Amino acid sequence: MSSMLRASLPYTLALAVIAFLVFNFAVTLPLSSGWAFIAGVLTCGILVPILVDVKGPAVSAEISTQEIPNNDFSGETATLYVGNLPYRANEDAVKALFSRYGTVVNVRLMKDRQTGRRRGFGFVEVAAADANQMITKLNDFEFQERTLKVREARERQDEDNSNDE
């Protein structure tokens, strides 16, 4: 089921019930219950996409603000690699977990480019002074039924350097 359909399904059903009640009781048309329900579903098939389109930009703006780093911290930072993350974990949950042990500046969870699903790992930018304590406390820590792997992130190797050998 597509995410757009999944998001609009509750609205469609709620509007269908409201339209059924309106067509069945308020409007004096000689419709049977079945026809009133069909009229409600058809009406909602037009109204729901309009409502979802109107609601859509507010939701995407909310998501983009989560990805903005916390610029309140000024000091040296370290980036930690976090592996074996549950696929259902989001940035807020990971930030809350790491915040127990120090200052978290930014959380980036990696997603597959084609499917948009999380890949099960990410990077947490933290205060350099707190990095070692976080690694010690959270490596092999059970989080949402998965055992996390936490270590200091390494710089990405350039592909050109590996082909020169």
Protein backbone atom coordinates (compact mmCIF):
# COMPACT_ATOMS: atom_id res chain seq x y z
CA MET A 1 0.00 0.00 0.00
CA SER A 2 1.49 3.36 -1.00
CA SER A 3 2.22 5.90 1.70
CA MET A 4 -0.15 8.44 0.13
CA LEU A 5 -3.02 5.95 0.16
CA ARG A 6 -2.16 4.86 3.71
CA ALA A 7 -2.16 8.50 4.84
CA SER A 8 -5.47 9.36 3.18
CA LEU A 9 -7.40 6.17 4.07
CA PRO A 10 -8.65 7.34 7.50
CA TYR A 11 -9.84 10.62 6.00
CA THR A 12 -11.61 8.80 3.18
CA LEU A 13 -13.42 6.49 5.57
CA ALA A 14 -14.40 9.30 7.93
CA LEU A 15 -15.73 11.43 5.10
CA ALA A 16 -17.56 8.44 3.62
CA VAL A 17 -19.40 7.89 6.91
CA ILE A 18 -20.25 11.59 7.17
CA ALA A 19 -21.45 11.68 3.57
CA PHE A 20 -23.49 8.50 4.17
CA LEU A 21 -25.20 10.14 7.13
CA VAL A 22 -25.85 13.32 5.16
CA PHE A 23 -27.20 11.50 2.10
CA ASN A 24 -29.22 9.03 4.16
CA PHE A 25 -30.78 11.33 6.75
CA ALA A 26 -30.40 15.00 5.87
CA VAL A 27 -31.03 14.91 2.13
CA THR A 28 -34.55 13.93 1.18
CA LEU A 29 -33.49 11.98 -1.89
CA PRO A 30 -35.04 8.54 -2.21
CA LEU A 31 -31.72 6.66 -1.90
CA SER A 32 -31.24 3.28 -0.34
CA SER A 33 -28.46 2.86 2.24
CA GLY A 34 -26.22 1.20 -0.34
CA TRP A 35 -26.58 4.04 -2.81
CA ALA A 36 -26.05 6.61 -0.08
CA PHE A 37 -22.82 4.87 0.91
CA ILE A 38 -21.65 4.75 -2.74
CA ALA A 39 -22.44 8.45 -3.15
CA GLY A 40 -20.42 9.14 0.01
CA VAL A 41 -17.42 7.16 -1.21
CA LEU A 42 -17.51 8.88 -4.62
CA THR A 43 -17.78 12.28 -2.96
CA CYS A 44 -14.84 11.44 -0.69
CA GLY A 45 -12.82 10.19 -3.64
CA ILE A 46 -12.87 13.77 -4.87
CA LEU A 47 -12.55 15.58 -1.52
CA VAL A 48 -9.81 13.52 0.13
CA PRO A 49 -7.10 14.08 -2.53
CA ILE A 50 -7.80 17.82 -2.28
CA LEU A 51 -7.55 17.73 1.52
CA VAL A 52 -4.37 15.63 1.45
CA ASP A 53 -2.75 18.00 -1.06
CA VAL A 54 -3.60 20.95 1.16
CA LYS A 55 -2.24 19.14 4.22
CA GLY A 56 0.86 17.78 2.42
CA PRO A 57 3.18 20.82 2.44
CA ALA A 58 2.78 21.33 6.22
CA VAL A 59 3.89 17.73 6.83
CA SER A 60 6.94 17.98 4.56
CA ALA A 61 7.99 21.27 6.20
CA GLU A 62 7.86 19.53 9.59
CA ILE A 63 10.12 16.73 8.34
CA SER A 64 12.69 19.11 6.90
CA THR A 65 13.01 20.97 10.21
CA GLN A 66 14.01 17.72 11.95
CA GLU A 67 17.07 17.47 9.70
CA ILE A 68 18.37 20.93 10.65
CA PRO A 69 21.34 20.52 12.98
CA ASN A 70 21.24 21.92 16.49
CA ASN A 71 23.52 24.96 16.22
CA ASP A 72 23.24 25.86 19.90
CA PHE A 73 26.45 23.94 20.69
CA SER A 74 29.73 25.64 19.89
CA GLY A 75 32.81 23.58 20.46
CA GLU A 76 34.61 20.57 19.11
CA THR A 77 32.43 17.76 17.88
CA ALA A 78 32.95 14.13 17.03
CA THR A 79 30.89 12.00 14.68
CA LEU A 80 29.83 8.56 15.83
CA TYR A 81 28.78 5.73 13.55
CA VAL A 82 25.72 3.86 14.84
CA GLY A 83 25.05 0.49 13.25
CA ASN A 84 22.38 -2.19 13.58
CA LEU A 85 19.67 0.41 14.17
CA PRO A 86 16.07 -0.78 14.04
CA TYR A 87 14.44 0.25 10.77
CA ARG A 88 11.55 1.83 12.66
CA ALA A 89 13.86 4.11 14.71
CA ASN A 90 13.72 7.80 13.81
CA GLU A 91 16.05 10.73 14.42
CA ASP A 92 14.20 11.87 17.53
CA ALA A 93 14.41 8.46 19.21
CA VAL A 94 18.15 8.14 18.50
CA LYS A 95 18.76 11.71 19.68
CA ALA A 96 16.86 11.03 22.91
CA LEU A 97 18.92 7.88 23.55
CA PHE A 98 22.29 9.58 22.97
CA SER A 99 21.25 12.72 24.89
CA ARG A 100 21.18 10.66 28.09
CA TYR A 101 24.98 10.47 27.96
CA GLY A 102 25.96 13.90 26.63
CA THR A 103 25.35 16.68 24.12
CA VAL A 104 23.96 15.70 20.73
CA VAL A 105 24.43 18.20 17.91
CA ASN A 106 22.93 16.36 14.94
CA VAL A 107 21.51 12.96 13.96
CA ARG A 108 21.50 11.62 10.38
CA LEU A 109 19.94 8.25 9.66
CA MET A 110 20.74 6.89 6.22
CA LYS A 111 17.98 6.00 3.78
CA ASP A 112 17.97 3.99 0.58
CA ARG A 113 17.78 6.37 -2.38
CA GLN A 114 15.37 4.26 -4.39
CA THR A 115 12.93 3.03 -1.72
CA GLY A 116 13.28 5.78 0.90
CA ARG A 117 13.50 3.16 3.65
CA ARG A 118 16.02 3.45 6.43
CA ARG A 119 19.18 1.39 5.97
CA GLY A 120 19.78 0.50 9.61
CA PHE A 121 22.70 2.81 10.33
CA GLY A 122 23.41 6.47 10.82
CA PHE A 123 25.70 9.10 12.23
CA VAL A 124 25.39 11.09 15.44
CA GLU A 125 27.37 14.28 15.82
CA VAL A 126 28.15 14.85 19.50
CA ALA A 127 30.32 17.02 21.72
CA ALA A 128 33.88 15.68 21.50
CA ALA A 129 34.14 15.53 25.29
CA ASP A 130 31.15 13.15 25.46
CA ALA A 131 32.06 10.88 22.54
CA ASN A 132 34.09 8.26 24.44
CA GLN A 133 31.49 7.94 27.18
CA MET A 134 28.75 7.45 24.58
CA ILE A 135 30.75 4.78 22.79
CA THR A 136 31.40 2.97 26.08
CA LYS A 137 27.79 3.14 27.28
CA LEU A 138 25.95 2.54 23.98
CA ASN A 139 28.11 0.03 22.11
CA ASP A 140 26.35 -3.35 22.45
CA PHE A 141 23.37 -1.54 24.03
CA GLU A 142 19.96 -3.08 23.31
CA PHE A 143 17.71 -0.48 21.66
CA GLN A 144 14.24 -1.40 20.36
CA GLU A 145 15.16 -5.10 20.34
CA ARG A 146 18.41 -4.56 18.40
CA THR A 147 21.99 -4.49 19.70
CA LEU A 148 23.62 -1.24 18.63
CA LYS A 149 27.16 -0.98 17.33
CA VAL A 150 28.66 2.42 18.15
CA ARG A 151 32.14 3.61 17.24
CA GLU A 152 33.86 6.75 16.06
CA ALA A 153 33.09 7.37 12.40
CA ARG A 154 35.94 7.12 9.93
CA GLU A 155 36.38 9.44 6.98
CA ARG A 156 34.94 8.11 3.73
CA GLN A 157 37.62 6.57 1.53
CA ASP A 158 37.84 8.04 -1.97
CA GLU A 159 37.29 5.45 -4.69
CA ASP A 160 40.17 6.92 -6.69
CA ASN A 161 42.68 6.07 -3.92
CA SER A 162 41.61 2.43 -3.74
CA ASN A 163 41.97 1.95 -7.52
CA ASP A 164 45.56 3.29 -7.64
CA GLU A 165 47.05 0.21 -5.94
